[in-house]
PDB file of N, CA and C in Angstrom:
ATOM      1  N   UNK A   1     113.421 162.853 110.455  1.00  0.00           N
ATOM      2  CA  UNK A   1     113.075 161.467 110.214  1.00  0.00           C
ATOM      3  C   UNK A   1     112.700 160.755 111.504  1.00  0.00           C
ATOM      4  N   UNK A   2     113.430 160.999 112.566  1.00  0.00           N
ATOM      5  CA  UNK A   2     113.103 160.359 113.839  1.00  0.00           C
ATOM      6  C   UNK A   2     111.850 160.949 114.468  1.00  0.00           C
ATOM      7  N   UNK A   3     111.428 162.062 114.011  1.00  0.00           N
ATOM      8  CA  UNK A   3     110.220 162.678 114.552  1.00  0.00           C
ATOM      9  C   UNK A   3     108.965 161.934 114.091  1.00  0.00           C
ATOM     10  N   UNK A   4     109.074 161.140 113.041  1.00  0.00           N
ATOM     11  CA  UNK A   4     107.936 160.377 112.523  1.00  0.00           C
ATOM     12  C   UNK A   4     107.702 159.083 113.282  1.00  0.00           C
ATOM     13  N   UNK A   5     108.638 158.692 114.146  1.00  0.00           N
ATOM     14  CA  UNK A   5     108.527 157.432 114.893  1.00  0.00           C
ATOM     15  C   UNK A   5     108.042 157.743 116.306  1.00  0.00           C
ATOM     16  N   UNK A   6     106.968 157.063 116.716  1.00  0.00           N
ATOM     17  CA  UNK A   6     106.452 157.267 118.071  1.00  0.00           C
ATOM     18  C   UNK A   6     107.207 156.353 119.050  1.00  0.00           C
ATOM     19  N   UNK A   7     107.049 156.648 120.326  1.00  0.00           N
ATOM     20  CA  UNK A   7     107.725 155.835 121.345  1.00  0.00           C
ATOM     21  C   UNK A   7     107.171 154.405 121.359  1.00  0.00           C
ATOM     22  N   UNK A   8     105.926 154.236 121.145  1.00  0.00           N
ATOM     23  CA  UNK A   8     105.347 152.884 121.129  1.00  0.00           C
ATOM     24  C   UNK A   8     105.894 152.064 119.964  1.00  0.00           C
ATOM     25  N   UNK A   9     106.072 152.700 118.815  1.00  0.00           N
ATOM     26  CA  UNK A   9     106.677 151.992 117.682  1.00  0.00           C
ATOM     27  C   UNK A   9     108.135 151.649 117.964  1.00  0.00           C
ATOM     28  N   UNK A  10     108.846 152.583 118.584  1.00  0.00           N
ATOM     29  CA  UNK A  10     110.236 152.343 118.920  1.00  0.00           C
ATOM     30  C   UNK A  10     110.373 151.136 119.849  1.00  0.00           C
ATOM     31  N   UNK A  11     109.577 151.118 120.929  1.00  0.00           N
ATOM     32  CA  UNK A  11     109.665 150.008 121.888  1.00  0.00           C
ATOM     33  C   UNK A  11     109.196 148.692 121.261  1.00  0.00           C
ATOM     34  N   UNK A  12     108.226 148.744 120.407  1.00  0.00           N
ATOM     35  CA  UNK A  12     107.769 147.535 119.728  1.00  0.00           C
ATOM     36  C   UNK A  12     108.883 146.932 118.869  1.00  0.00           C
ATOM     37  N   UNK A  13     109.585 147.774 118.130  1.00  0.00           N
ATOM     38  CA  UNK A  13     110.699 147.306 117.302  1.00  0.00           C
ATOM     39  C   UNK A  13     111.828 146.759 118.170  1.00  0.00           C
ATOM     40  N   UNK A  14     112.146 147.434 119.257  1.00  0.00           N
ATOM     41  CA  UNK A  14     113.198 146.969 120.167  1.00  0.00           C
ATOM     42  C   UNK A  14     112.831 145.612 120.766  1.00  0.00           C
ATOM     43  N   UNK A  15     111.608 145.455 121.215  1.00  0.00           N
ATOM     44  CA  UNK A  15     111.167 144.185 121.814  1.00  0.00           C
ATOM     45  C   UNK A  15     111.182 143.069 120.781  1.00  0.00           C
ATOM     46  N   UNK A  16     110.659 143.328 119.593  1.00  0.00           N
ATOM     47  CA  UNK A  16     110.633 142.288 118.557  1.00  0.00           C
ATOM     48  C   UNK A  16     112.037 141.875 118.121  1.00  0.00           C
ATOM     49  N   UNK A  17     112.911 142.838 117.928  1.00  0.00           N
ATOM     50  CA  UNK A  17     114.284 142.471 117.531  1.00  0.00           C
ATOM     51  C   UNK A  17     115.005 141.731 118.653  1.00  0.00           C
ATOM     52  N   UNK A  18     114.750 142.110 119.893  1.00  0.00           N
ATOM     53  CA  UNK A  18     115.362 141.395 121.023  1.00  0.00           C
ATOM     54  C   UNK A  18     114.859 139.963 121.086  1.00  0.00           C
ATOM     55  N   UNK A  19     113.560 139.777 120.914  1.00  0.00           N
ATOM     56  CA  UNK A  19     112.996 138.430 120.931  1.00  0.00           C
ATOM     57  C   UNK A  19     113.574 137.570 119.806  1.00  0.00           C
ATOM     58  N   UNK A  20     113.653 138.117 118.640  1.00  0.00           N
ATOM     59  CA  UNK A  20     114.208 137.376 117.506  1.00  0.00           C
ATOM     60  C   UNK A  20     115.671 137.037 117.750  1.00  0.00           C
ATOM     61  N   UNK A  21     116.422 137.998 118.261  1.00  0.00           N
ATOM     62  CA  UNK A  21     117.839 137.777 118.551  1.00  0.00           C
ATOM     63  C   UNK A  21     118.016 136.641 119.563  1.00  0.00           C
ATOM     64  N   UNK A  22     117.303 136.721 120.689  1.00  0.00           N
ATOM     65  CA  UNK A  22     117.454 135.693 121.724  1.00  0.00           C
ATOM     66  C   UNK A  22     116.906 134.348 121.273  1.00  0.00           C
ATOM     67  N   UNK A  23     115.889 134.356 120.452  1.00  0.00           N
ATOM     68  CA  UNK A  23     115.378 133.103 119.897  1.00  0.00           C
ATOM     69  C   UNK A  23     116.425 132.439 119.012  1.00  0.00           C
ATOM     70  N   UNK A  24     117.071 133.221 118.172  1.00  0.00           N
ATOM     71  CA  UNK A  24     118.136 132.675 117.322  1.00  0.00           C
ATOM     72  C   UNK A  24     119.302 132.151 118.151  1.00  0.00           C
ATOM     73  N   UNK A  25     119.698 132.889 119.168  1.00  0.00           N
ATOM     74  CA  UNK A  25     120.781 132.430 120.041  1.00  0.00           C
ATOM     75  C   UNK A  25     120.378 131.134 120.728  1.00  0.00           C
ATOM     76  N   UNK A  26     119.157 131.058 121.226  1.00  0.00           N
ATOM     77  CA  UNK A  26     118.670 129.851 121.898  1.00  0.00           C
ATOM     78  C   UNK A  26     118.682 128.662 120.939  1.00  0.00           C
ATOM     79  N   UNK A  27     118.234 128.854 119.717  1.00  0.00           N
ATOM     80  CA  UNK A  27     118.224 127.778 118.725  1.00  0.00           C
ATOM     81  C   UNK A  27     119.642 127.321 118.417  1.00  0.00           C
ATOM     82  N   UNK A  28     120.555 128.251 118.259  1.00  0.00           N
ATOM     83  CA  UNK A  28     121.942 127.880 117.957  1.00  0.00           C
ATOM     84  C   UNK A  28     122.560 127.097 119.098  1.00  0.00           C
ATOM     85  N   UNK A  29     122.355 127.548 120.322  1.00  0.00           N
ATOM     86  CA  UNK A  29     122.950 126.866 121.481  1.00  0.00           C
ATOM     87  C   UNK A  29     122.342 125.489 121.659  1.00  0.00           C
ATOM     88  N   UNK A  30     121.012 125.382 121.647  1.00  0.00           N
ATOM     89  CA  UNK A  30     120.388 124.089 121.897  1.00  0.00           C
ATOM     90  C   UNK A  30     120.515 123.146 120.712  1.00  0.00           C
ATOM     91  N   UNK A  31     120.617 123.667 119.527  1.00  0.00           N
ATOM     92  CA  UNK A  31     120.868 122.794 118.385  1.00  0.00           C
ATOM     93  C   UNK A  31     122.245 122.160 118.526  1.00  0.00           C
ATOM     94  N   UNK A  32     123.209 122.948 118.949  1.00  0.00           N
ATOM     95  CA  UNK A  32     124.552 122.410 119.172  1.00  0.00           C
ATOM     96  C   UNK A  32     124.519 121.387 120.295  1.00  0.00           C
ATOM     97  N   UNK A  33     123.752 121.660 121.348  1.00  0.00           N
ATOM     98  CA  UNK A  33     123.659 120.721 122.458  1.00  0.00           C
ATOM     99  C   UNK A  33     123.031 119.407 122.003  1.00  0.00           C
ATOM    100  N   UNK A  34     121.961 119.472 121.232  1.00  0.00           N
ATOM    101  CA  UNK A  34     121.284 118.267 120.775  1.00  0.00           C
ATOM    102  C   UNK A  34     122.141 117.482 119.792  1.00  0.00           C
ATOM    103  N   UNK A  35     122.882 118.164 118.943  1.00  0.00           N
ATOM    104  CA  UNK A  35     123.725 117.441 118.002  1.00  0.00           C
ATOM    105  C   UNK A  35     124.872 116.753 118.729  1.00  0.00           C
ATOM    106  N   UNK A  36     125.390 117.359 119.798  1.00  0.00           N
ATOM    107  CA  UNK A  36     126.435 116.715 120.590  1.00  0.00           C
ATOM    108  C   UNK A  36     125.859 115.493 121.289  1.00  0.00           C
ATOM    109  N   UNK A  37     124.627 115.598 121.771  1.00  0.00           N
ATOM    110  CA  UNK A  37     124.013 114.457 122.442  1.00  0.00           C
ATOM    111  C   UNK A  37     123.808 113.304 121.460  1.00  0.00           C
ATOM    112  N   UNK A  38     123.462 113.600 120.230  1.00  0.00           N
ATOM    113  CA  UNK A  38     123.267 112.548 119.252  1.00  0.00           C
ATOM    114  C   UNK A  38     124.579 111.883 118.872  1.00  0.00           C
ATOM    115  N   UNK A  39     125.666 112.660 118.844  1.00  0.00           N
ATOM    116  CA  UNK A  39     126.959 112.101 118.478  1.00  0.00           C
ATOM    117  C   UNK A  39     127.574 111.295 119.615  1.00  0.00           C
ATOM    118  N   UNK A  40     127.155 111.563 120.834  1.00  0.00           N
ATOM    119  CA  UNK A  40     127.695 110.848 121.976  1.00  0.00           C
ATOM    120  C   UNK A  40     127.198 109.402 121.928  1.00  0.00           C
ATOM    121  N   UNK A  41     128.042 108.422 122.182  1.00  0.00           N
ATOM    122  CA  UNK A  41     127.592 107.038 122.098  1.00  0.00           C
ATOM    123  C   UNK A  41     126.510 106.737 123.118  1.00  0.00           C
ATOM    124  N   UNK A  42     125.552 105.939 122.713  1.00  0.00           N
ATOM    125  CA  UNK A  42     124.417 105.593 123.563  1.00  0.00           C
ATOM    126  C   UNK A  42     124.855 104.734 124.739  1.00  0.00           C
ATOM    127  N   UNK A  43     125.824 103.880 124.523  1.00  0.00           N
ATOM    128  CA  UNK A  43     126.265 102.946 125.545  1.00  0.00           C
ATOM    129  C   UNK A  43     127.618 103.392 126.072  1.00  0.00           C
ATOM    130  N   UNK A  44     127.827 103.237 127.358  1.00  0.00           N
ATOM    131  CA  UNK A  44     129.073 103.694 127.956  1.00  0.00           C
ATOM    132  C   UNK A  44     130.232 102.799 127.549  1.00  0.00           C
ATOM    133  N   UNK A  45     131.441 103.324 127.698  1.00  0.00           N
ATOM    134  CA  UNK A  45     132.638 102.589 127.305  1.00  0.00           C
ATOM    135  C   UNK A  45     132.841 101.344 128.151  1.00  0.00           C
ATOM    136  N   UNK A  46     132.370 101.362 129.407  1.00  0.00           N
ATOM    137  CA  UNK A  46     132.582 100.200 130.252  1.00  0.00           C
ATOM    138  C   UNK A  46     131.822  98.974 129.728  1.00  0.00           C
ATOM    139  N   UNK A  47     130.753  99.209 128.981  1.00  0.00           N
ATOM    140  CA  UNK A  47     130.021  98.091 128.397  1.00  0.00           C
ATOM    141  C   UNK A  47     130.894  97.370 127.371  1.00  0.00           C
ATOM    142  N   UNK A  48     131.718  98.138 126.658  1.00  0.00           N
ATOM    143  CA  UNK A  48     132.523  97.553 125.597  1.00  0.00           C
ATOM    144  C   UNK A  48     133.853  96.991 126.080  1.00  0.00           C
ATOM    145  N   UNK A  49     134.197  97.184 127.323  1.00  0.00           N
ATOM    146  CA  UNK A  49     135.453  96.678 127.848  1.00  0.00           C
ATOM    147  C   UNK A  49     135.290  95.265 128.400  1.00  0.00           C
ATOM    148  N   UNK A  50     134.597  94.417 127.688  1.00  0.00           N
ATOM    149  CA  UNK A  50     134.306  93.084 128.187  1.00  0.00           C
ATOM    150  C   UNK A  50     135.155  92.013 127.538  1.00  0.00           C
ATOM    151  N   UNK A  51     135.927  92.350 126.546  1.00  0.00           N
ATOM    152  CA  UNK A  51     136.733  91.352 125.862  1.00  0.00           C
ATOM    153  C   UNK A  51     136.033  90.782 124.644  1.00  0.00           C
ATOM    154  N   UNK A  52     134.756  91.084 124.438  1.00  0.00           N
ATOM    155  CA  UNK A  52     134.053  90.622 123.245  1.00  0.00           C
ATOM    156  C   UNK A  52     134.173  91.696 122.178  1.00  0.00           C
ATOM    157  N   UNK A  53     133.806  91.346 120.976  1.00  0.00           N
ATOM    158  CA  UNK A  53     133.913  92.293 119.867  1.00  0.00           C
ATOM    159  C   UNK A  53     132.932  93.442 120.070  1.00  0.00           C
ATOM    160  N   UNK A  54     133.401  94.644 119.818  1.00  0.00           N
ATOM    161  CA  UNK A  54     132.595  95.853 120.031  1.00  0.00           C
ATOM    162  C   UNK A  54     131.305  95.836 119.201  1.00  0.00           C
ATOM    163  N   UNK A  55     131.387  95.397 117.974  1.00  0.00           N
ATOM    164  CA  UNK A  55     130.200  95.353 117.116  1.00  0.00           C
ATOM    165  C   UNK A  55     129.191  94.331 117.629  1.00  0.00           C
ATOM    166  N   UNK A  56     129.679  93.177 118.109  1.00  0.00           N
ATOM    167  CA  UNK A  56     128.774  92.166 118.646  1.00  0.00           C
ATOM    168  C   UNK A  56     128.015  92.700 119.849  1.00  0.00           C
ATOM    169  N   UNK A  57     128.710  93.392 120.728  1.00  0.00           N
ATOM    170  CA  UNK A  57     128.063  93.931 121.920  1.00  0.00           C
ATOM    171  C   UNK A  57     127.011  94.964 121.534  1.00  0.00           C
ATOM    172  N   UNK A  58     127.323  95.831 120.581  1.00  0.00           N
ATOM    173  CA  UNK A  58     126.334  96.842 120.190  1.00  0.00           C
ATOM    174  C   UNK A  58     125.120  96.205 119.530  1.00  0.00           C
ATOM    175  N   UNK A  59     125.327  95.137 118.777  1.00  0.00           N
ATOM    176  CA  UNK A  59     124.195  94.423 118.178  1.00  0.00           C
ATOM    177  C   UNK A  59     123.342  93.779 119.259  1.00  0.00           C
ATOM    178  N   UNK A  60     123.990  93.190 120.249  1.00  0.00           N
ATOM    179  CA  UNK A  60     123.264  92.544 121.346  1.00  0.00           C
ATOM    180  C   UNK A  60     122.470  93.580 122.134  1.00  0.00           C
ATOM    181  N   UNK A  61     123.091  94.715 122.443  1.00  0.00           N
ATOM    182  CA  UNK A  61     122.398  95.744 123.220  1.00  0.00           C
ATOM    183  C   UNK A  61     121.238  96.358 122.440  1.00  0.00           C
ATOM    184  N   UNK A  62     121.401  96.539 121.148  1.00  0.00           N
ATOM    185  CA  UNK A  62     120.276  97.078 120.365  1.00  0.00           C
ATOM    186  C   UNK A  62     119.152  96.057 120.254  1.00  0.00           C
ATOM    187  N   UNK A  63     119.517  94.774 120.219  1.00  0.00           N
ATOM    188  CA  UNK A  63     118.502  93.722 120.216  1.00  0.00           C
ATOM    189  C   UNK A  63     117.753  93.703 121.551  1.00  0.00           C
ATOM    190  N   UNK A  64     118.482  93.838 122.642  1.00  0.00           N
ATOM    191  CA  UNK A  64     117.843  93.865 123.960  1.00  0.00           C
ATOM    192  C   UNK A  64     117.010  95.127 124.151  1.00  0.00           C
ATOM    193  N   UNK A  65     117.435  96.209 123.526  1.00  0.00           N
ATOM    194  CA  UNK A  65     116.720  97.480 123.664  1.00  0.00           C
ATOM    195  C   UNK A  65     115.294  97.377 123.128  1.00  0.00           C
ATOM    196  N   UNK A  66     115.102  96.561 122.114  1.00  0.00           N
ATOM    197  CA  UNK A  66     113.750  96.382 121.555  1.00  0.00           C
ATOM    198  C   UNK A  66     112.824  95.657 122.522  1.00  0.00           C
ATOM    199  N   UNK A  67     113.383  94.939 123.477  1.00  0.00           N
ATOM    200  CA  UNK A  67     112.556  94.210 124.432  1.00  0.00           C
ATOM    201  C   UNK A  67     111.875  95.149 125.430  1.00  0.00           C
ATOM    202  N   UNK A  68     112.347  96.369 125.544  1.00  0.00           N
ATOM    203  CA  UNK A  68     111.777  97.308 126.515  1.00  0.00           C
ATOM    204  C   UNK A  68     110.577  98.069 125.973  1.00  0.00           C
ATOM    205  N   UNK A  69     110.279  97.925 124.705  1.00  0.00           N
ATOM    206  CA  UNK A  69     109.183  98.674 124.111  1.00  0.00           C
ATOM    207  C   UNK A  69     107.838  98.077 124.527  1.00  0.00           C
ATOM    208  N   UNK A  70     106.941  98.946 124.964  1.00  0.00           N
ATOM    209  CA  UNK A  70     105.549  98.601 125.282  1.00  0.00           C
ATOM    210  C   UNK A  70     105.412  97.522 126.354  1.00  0.00           C
ATOM    211  N   UNK A  71     106.277  97.513 127.333  1.00  0.00           N
ATOM    212  CA  UNK A  71     106.150  96.566 128.441  1.00  0.00           C
ATOM    213  C   UNK A  71     105.476  97.275 129.610  1.00  0.00           C
ATOM    214  N   UNK A  72     104.367  96.724 130.060  1.00  0.00           N
ATOM    215  CA  UNK A  72     103.558  97.368 131.085  1.00  0.00           C
ATOM    216  C   UNK A  72     103.932  96.946 132.501  1.00  0.00           C
ATOM    217  N   UNK A  73     104.294  95.665 132.657  1.00  0.00           N
ATOM    218  CA  UNK A  73     104.586  95.213 134.008  1.00  0.00           C
ATOM    219  C   UNK A  73     105.889  94.417 134.056  1.00  0.00           C
ATOM    220  N   UNK A  74     106.281  94.070 135.267  1.00  0.00           N
ATOM    221  CA  UNK A  74     107.575  93.443 135.505  1.00  0.00           C
ATOM    222  C   UNK A  74     107.657  92.048 134.887  1.00  0.00           C
ATOM    223  N   UNK A  75     106.612  91.260 135.028  1.00  0.00           N
ATOM    224  CA  UNK A  75     106.653  89.884 134.513  1.00  0.00           C
ATOM    225  C   UNK A  75     106.730  89.862 132.986  1.00  0.00           C
ATOM    226  N   UNK A  76     106.029  90.785 132.331  1.00  0.00           N
ATOM    227  CA  UNK A  76     106.097  90.903 130.871  1.00  0.00           C
ATOM    228  C   UNK A  76     107.511  91.239 130.411  1.00  0.00           C
ATOM    229  N   UNK A  77     108.126  92.172 131.112  1.00  0.00           N
ATOM    230  CA  UNK A  77     109.480  92.592 130.784  1.00  0.00           C
ATOM    231  C   UNK A  77     110.478  91.462 130.997  1.00  0.00           C
ATOM    232  N   UNK A  78     110.363  90.769 132.106  1.00  0.00           N
ATOM    233  CA  UNK A  78     111.285  89.663 132.396  1.00  0.00           C
ATOM    234  C   UNK A  78     111.141  88.565 131.362  1.00  0.00           C
ATOM    235  N   UNK A  79     109.918  88.248 130.979  1.00  0.00           N
ATOM    236  CA  UNK A  79     109.689  87.208 129.978  1.00  0.00           C
ATOM    237  C   UNK A  79     110.307  87.597 128.628  1.00  0.00           C
ATOM    238  N   UNK A  80     110.117  88.839 128.219  1.00  0.00           N
ATOM    239  CA  UNK A  80     110.681  89.291 126.945  1.00  0.00           C
ATOM    240  C   UNK A  80     112.208  89.300 126.987  1.00  0.00           C
ATOM    241  N   UNK A  81     112.773  89.759 128.095  1.00  0.00           N
ATOM    242  CA  UNK A  81     114.232  89.778 128.220  1.00  0.00           C
ATOM    243  C   UNK A  81     114.809  88.372 128.280  1.00  0.00           C
ATOM    244  N   UNK A  82     114.122  87.495 128.958  1.00  0.00           N
ATOM    245  CA  UNK A  82     114.605  86.108 129.063  1.00  0.00           C
ATOM    246  C   UNK A  82     114.651  85.440 127.695  1.00  0.00           C
ATOM    247  N   UNK A  83     113.638  85.703 126.868  1.00  0.00           N
ATOM    248  CA  UNK A  83     113.626  85.162 125.506  1.00  0.00           C
ATOM    249  C   UNK A  83     114.818  85.673 124.705  1.00  0.00           C
ATOM    250  N   UNK A  84     115.084  86.981 124.837  1.00  0.00           N
ATOM    251  CA  UNK A  84     116.199  87.571 124.095  1.00  0.00           C
ATOM    252  C   UNK A  84     117.542  87.046 124.594  1.00  0.00           C
ATOM    253  N   UNK A  85     117.678  86.895 125.903  1.00  0.00           N
ATOM    254  CA  UNK A  85     118.956  86.491 126.489  1.00  0.00           C
ATOM    255  C   UNK A  85     119.260  85.020 126.224  1.00  0.00           C
ATOM    256  N   UNK A  86     118.258  84.207 126.007  1.00  0.00           N
ATOM    257  CA  UNK A  86     118.499  82.781 125.736  1.00  0.00           C
ATOM    258  C   UNK A  86     119.395  82.572 124.522  1.00  0.00           C
ATOM    259  N   UNK A  87     119.343  83.476 123.581  1.00  0.00           N
ATOM    260  CA  UNK A  87     120.194  83.328 122.393  1.00  0.00           C
ATOM    261  C   UNK A  87     121.651  83.647 122.692  1.00  0.00           C
ATOM    262  N   UNK A  88     121.922  84.306 123.832  1.00  0.00           N
ATOM    263  CA  UNK A  88     123.287  84.679 124.191  1.00  0.00           C
ATOM    264  C   UNK A  88     123.809  83.887 125.386  1.00  0.00           C
ATOM    265  N   UNK A  89     123.190  82.773 125.706  1.00  0.00           N
ATOM    266  CA  UNK A  89     123.596  81.967 126.868  1.00  0.00           C
ATOM    267  C   UNK A  89     124.993  81.387 126.714  1.00  0.00           C
ATOM    268  N   UNK A  90     125.450  81.181 125.483  1.00  0.00           N
ATOM    269  CA  UNK A  90     126.752  80.541 125.271  1.00  0.00           C
ATOM    270  C   UNK A  90     127.920  81.445 125.663  1.00  0.00           C
ATOM    271  N   UNK A  91     127.695  82.727 125.822  1.00  0.00           N
ATOM    272  CA  UNK A  91     128.766  83.640 126.223  1.00  0.00           C
ATOM    273  C   UNK A  91     128.906  83.559 127.739  1.00  0.00           C
ATOM    274  N   UNK A  92     130.043  83.055 128.201  1.00  0.00           N
ATOM    275  CA  UNK A  92     130.252  82.831 129.630  1.00  0.00           C
ATOM    276  C   UNK A  92     131.105  83.894 130.303  1.00  0.00           C
ATOM    277  N   UNK A  93     131.433  84.942 129.608  1.00  0.00           N
ATOM    278  CA  UNK A  93     132.281  85.981 130.167  1.00  0.00           C
ATOM    279  C   UNK A  93     131.516  86.738 131.252  1.00  0.00           C
ATOM    280  N   UNK A  94     131.999  86.703 132.515  1.00  0.00           N
ATOM    281  CA  UNK A  94     131.274  87.400 133.589  1.00  0.00           C
ATOM    282  C   UNK A  94     131.216  88.915 133.382  1.00  0.00           C
ATOM    283  N   UNK A  95     132.239  89.496 132.786  1.00  0.00           N
ATOM    284  CA  UNK A  95     132.218  90.931 132.508  1.00  0.00           C
ATOM    285  C   UNK A  95     131.138  91.284 131.507  1.00  0.00           C
ATOM    286  N   UNK A  96     130.942  90.406 130.529  1.00  0.00           N
ATOM    287  CA  UNK A  96     129.894  90.609 129.534  1.00  0.00           C
ATOM    288  C   UNK A  96     128.525  90.585 130.206  1.00  0.00           C
ATOM    289  N   UNK A  97     128.302  89.579 131.032  1.00  0.00           N
ATOM    290  CA  UNK A  97     127.006  89.476 131.717  1.00  0.00           C
ATOM    291  C   UNK A  97     126.779  90.658 132.645  1.00  0.00           C
ATOM    292  N   UNK A  98     127.833  91.087 133.312  1.00  0.00           N
ATOM    293  CA  UNK A  98     127.704  92.222 134.219  1.00  0.00           C
ATOM    294  C   UNK A  98     127.336  93.486 133.450  1.00  0.00           C
ATOM    295  N   UNK A  99     127.953  93.692 132.299  1.00  0.00           N
ATOM    296  CA  UNK A  99     127.636  94.860 131.469  1.00  0.00           C
ATOM    297  C   UNK A  99     126.205  94.802 130.961  1.00  0.00           C
ATOM    298  N   UNK A 100     125.792  93.629 130.530  1.00  0.00           N
ATOM    299  CA  UNK A 100     124.409  93.456 130.057  1.00  0.00           C
ATOM    300  C   UNK A 100     123.433  93.702 131.199  1.00  0.00           C
ATOM    301  N   UNK A 101     123.756  93.198 132.389  1.00  0.00           N
ATOM    302  CA  UNK A 101     122.878  93.397 133.546  1.00  0.00           C
ATOM    303  C   UNK A 101     122.750  94.879 133.893  1.00  0.00           C
ATOM    304  N   UNK A 102     123.867  95.619 133.854  1.00  0.00           N
ATOM    305  CA  UNK A 102     123.804  97.054 134.128  1.00  0.00           C
ATOM    306  C   UNK A 102     122.961  97.777 133.086  1.00  0.00           C
ATOM    307  N   UNK A 103     123.107  97.362 131.832  1.00  0.00           N
ATOM    308  CA  UNK A 103     122.303  97.954 130.763  1.00  0.00           C
ATOM    309  C   UNK A 103     120.816  97.673 130.992  1.00  0.00           C
ATOM    310  N   UNK A 104     120.489  96.436 131.349  1.00  0.00           N
ATOM    311  CA  UNK A 104     119.097  96.053 131.584  1.00  0.00           C
ATOM    312  C   UNK A 104     118.523  96.845 132.755  1.00  0.00           C
ATOM    313  N   UNK A 105     119.295  96.981 133.841  1.00  0.00           N
ATOM    314  CA  UNK A 105     118.806  97.734 135.001  1.00  0.00           C
ATOM    315  C   UNK A 105     118.524  99.193 134.646  1.00  0.00           C
ATOM    316  N   UNK A 106     119.438  99.805 133.923  1.00  0.00           N
ATOM    317  CA  UNK A 106     119.232 101.229 133.596  1.00  0.00           C
ATOM    318  C   UNK A 106     118.084 101.424 132.614  1.00  0.00           C
ATOM    319  N   UNK A 107     117.992 100.571 131.608  1.00  0.00           N
ATOM    320  CA  UNK A 107     116.920 100.724 130.612  1.00  0.00           C
ATOM    321  C   UNK A 107     115.548 100.409 131.191  1.00  0.00           C
ATOM    322  N   UNK A 108     115.474  99.409 132.057  1.00  0.00           N
ATOM    323  CA  UNK A 108     114.172  99.075 132.641  1.00  0.00           C
ATOM    324  C   UNK A 108     113.667 100.202 133.519  1.00  0.00           C
ATOM    325  N   UNK A 109     114.590 100.887 134.183  1.00  0.00           N
ATOM    326  CA  UNK A 109     114.167 101.991 135.023  1.00  0.00           C
ATOM    327  C   UNK A 109     113.819 103.227 134.206  1.00  0.00           C
ATOM    328  N   UNK A 110     114.591 103.521 133.169  1.00  0.00           N
ATOM    329  CA  UNK A 110     114.320 104.745 132.413  1.00  0.00           C
ATOM    330  C   UNK A 110     113.175 104.600 131.423  1.00  0.00           C
ATOM    331  N   UNK A 111     113.099 103.479 130.736  1.00  0.00           N
ATOM    332  CA  UNK A 111     112.075 103.330 129.697  1.00  0.00           C
ATOM    333  C   UNK A 111     110.760 102.782 130.218  1.00  0.00           C
ATOM    334  N   UNK A 112     110.816 101.866 131.186  1.00  0.00           N
ATOM    335  CA  UNK A 112     109.589 101.214 131.641  1.00  0.00           C
ATOM    336  C   UNK A 112     109.186 101.597 133.060  1.00  0.00           C
ATOM    337  N   UNK A 113     110.048 102.306 133.774  1.00  0.00           N
ATOM    338  CA  UNK A 113     109.821 102.654 135.186  1.00  0.00           C
ATOM    339  C   UNK A 113     109.610 101.401 136.029  1.00  0.00           C
ATOM    340  N   UNK A 114     110.371 100.367 135.696  1.00  0.00           N
ATOM    341  CA  UNK A 114     110.306  99.107 136.434  1.00  0.00           C
ATOM    342  C   UNK A 114     111.674  98.888 137.063  1.00  0.00           C
ATOM    343  N   UNK A 115     111.675  98.652 138.364  1.00  0.00           N
ATOM    344  CA  UNK A 115     112.925  98.420 139.076  1.00  0.00           C
ATOM    345  C   UNK A 115     113.128  96.909 139.211  1.00  0.00           C
ATOM    346  N   UNK A 116     114.193  96.418 138.583  1.00  0.00           N
ATOM    347  CA  UNK A 116     114.520  94.996 138.659  1.00  0.00           C
ATOM    348  C   UNK A 116     115.518  94.761 139.784  1.00  0.00           C
ATOM    349  N   UNK A 117     115.382  93.626 140.438  1.00  0.00           N
ATOM    350  CA  UNK A 117     116.271  93.250 141.540  1.00  0.00           C
ATOM    351  C   UNK A 117     117.312  92.258 141.033  1.00  0.00           C
ATOM    352  N   UNK A 118     118.271  91.931 141.892  1.00  0.00           N
ATOM    353  CA  UNK A 118     119.323  90.962 141.544  1.00  0.00           C
ATOM    354  C   UNK A 118     118.726  89.584 141.242  1.00  0.00           C
ATOM    355  N   UNK A 119     117.705  89.202 141.985  1.00  0.00           N
ATOM    356  CA  UNK A 119     117.056  87.895 141.746  1.00  0.00           C
ATOM    357  C   UNK A 119     116.426  87.862 140.354  1.00  0.00           C
ATOM    358  N   UNK A 120     115.845  88.955 139.942  1.00  0.00           N
ATOM    359  CA  UNK A 120     115.252  89.030 138.617  1.00  0.00           C
ATOM    360  C   UNK A 120     116.324  88.855 137.541  1.00  0.00           C
ATOM    361  N   UNK A 121     117.490  89.462 137.743  1.00  0.00           N
ATOM    362  CA  UNK A 121     118.574  89.332 136.772  1.00  0.00           C
ATOM    363  C   UNK A 121     119.097  87.898 136.738  1.00  0.00           C
ATOM    364  N   UNK A 122     119.163  87.244 137.880  1.00  0.00           N
ATOM    365  CA  UNK A 122     119.613  85.844 137.897  1.00  0.00           C
ATOM    366  C   UNK A 122     118.645  84.940 137.133  1.00  0.00           C
ATOM    367  N   UNK A 123     117.343  85.238 137.249  1.00  0.00           N
ATOM    368  CA  UNK A 123     116.373  84.403 136.524  1.00  0.00           C
ATOM    369  C   UNK A 123     116.481  84.611 135.014  1.00  0.00           C
ATOM    370  N   UNK A 124     116.946  85.779 134.597  1.00  0.00           N
ATOM    371  CA  UNK A 124     117.109  86.010 133.161  1.00  0.00           C
ATOM    372  C   UNK A 124     118.166  85.096 132.558  1.00  0.00           C
ATOM    373  N   UNK A 125     119.207  84.799 133.305  1.00  0.00           N
ATOM    374  CA  UNK A 125     120.337  84.046 132.775  1.00  0.00           C
ATOM    375  C   UNK A 125     120.203  82.549 133.004  1.00  0.00           C
ATOM    376  N   UNK A 126     119.124  82.083 133.618  1.00  0.00           N
ATOM    377  CA  UNK A 126     118.941  80.639 133.838  1.00  0.00           C
ATOM    378  C   UNK A 126     118.370  79.964 132.635  1.00  0.00           C
TER     379      UNK A 126
END
């Protein structure tokens, strides 16, 4: 029975089964990695340690997150963020503002490739 199989057929079967095996392993590992990333909270715990309600903060951050979409330049981004932040001016907790500022700095850099300075953040809260 083994005399009917040529060496080229043997190596072809070995290569194909190896590729399929490693492809399946890769899919299983990276699928697990991606599902863990999705389950991990988007916002860090320090954002929620501000003394305000956790749900309120997540609603505010998701509202601010929409301001980063399709912003081409710094002035456009600042104007959109300032409009969004005006609705939250009544919250005077410095920890809350600091958390929001850190969120704005990280999102502006990752989503828009715009680096905001401290002066820019101060103008948002005026």
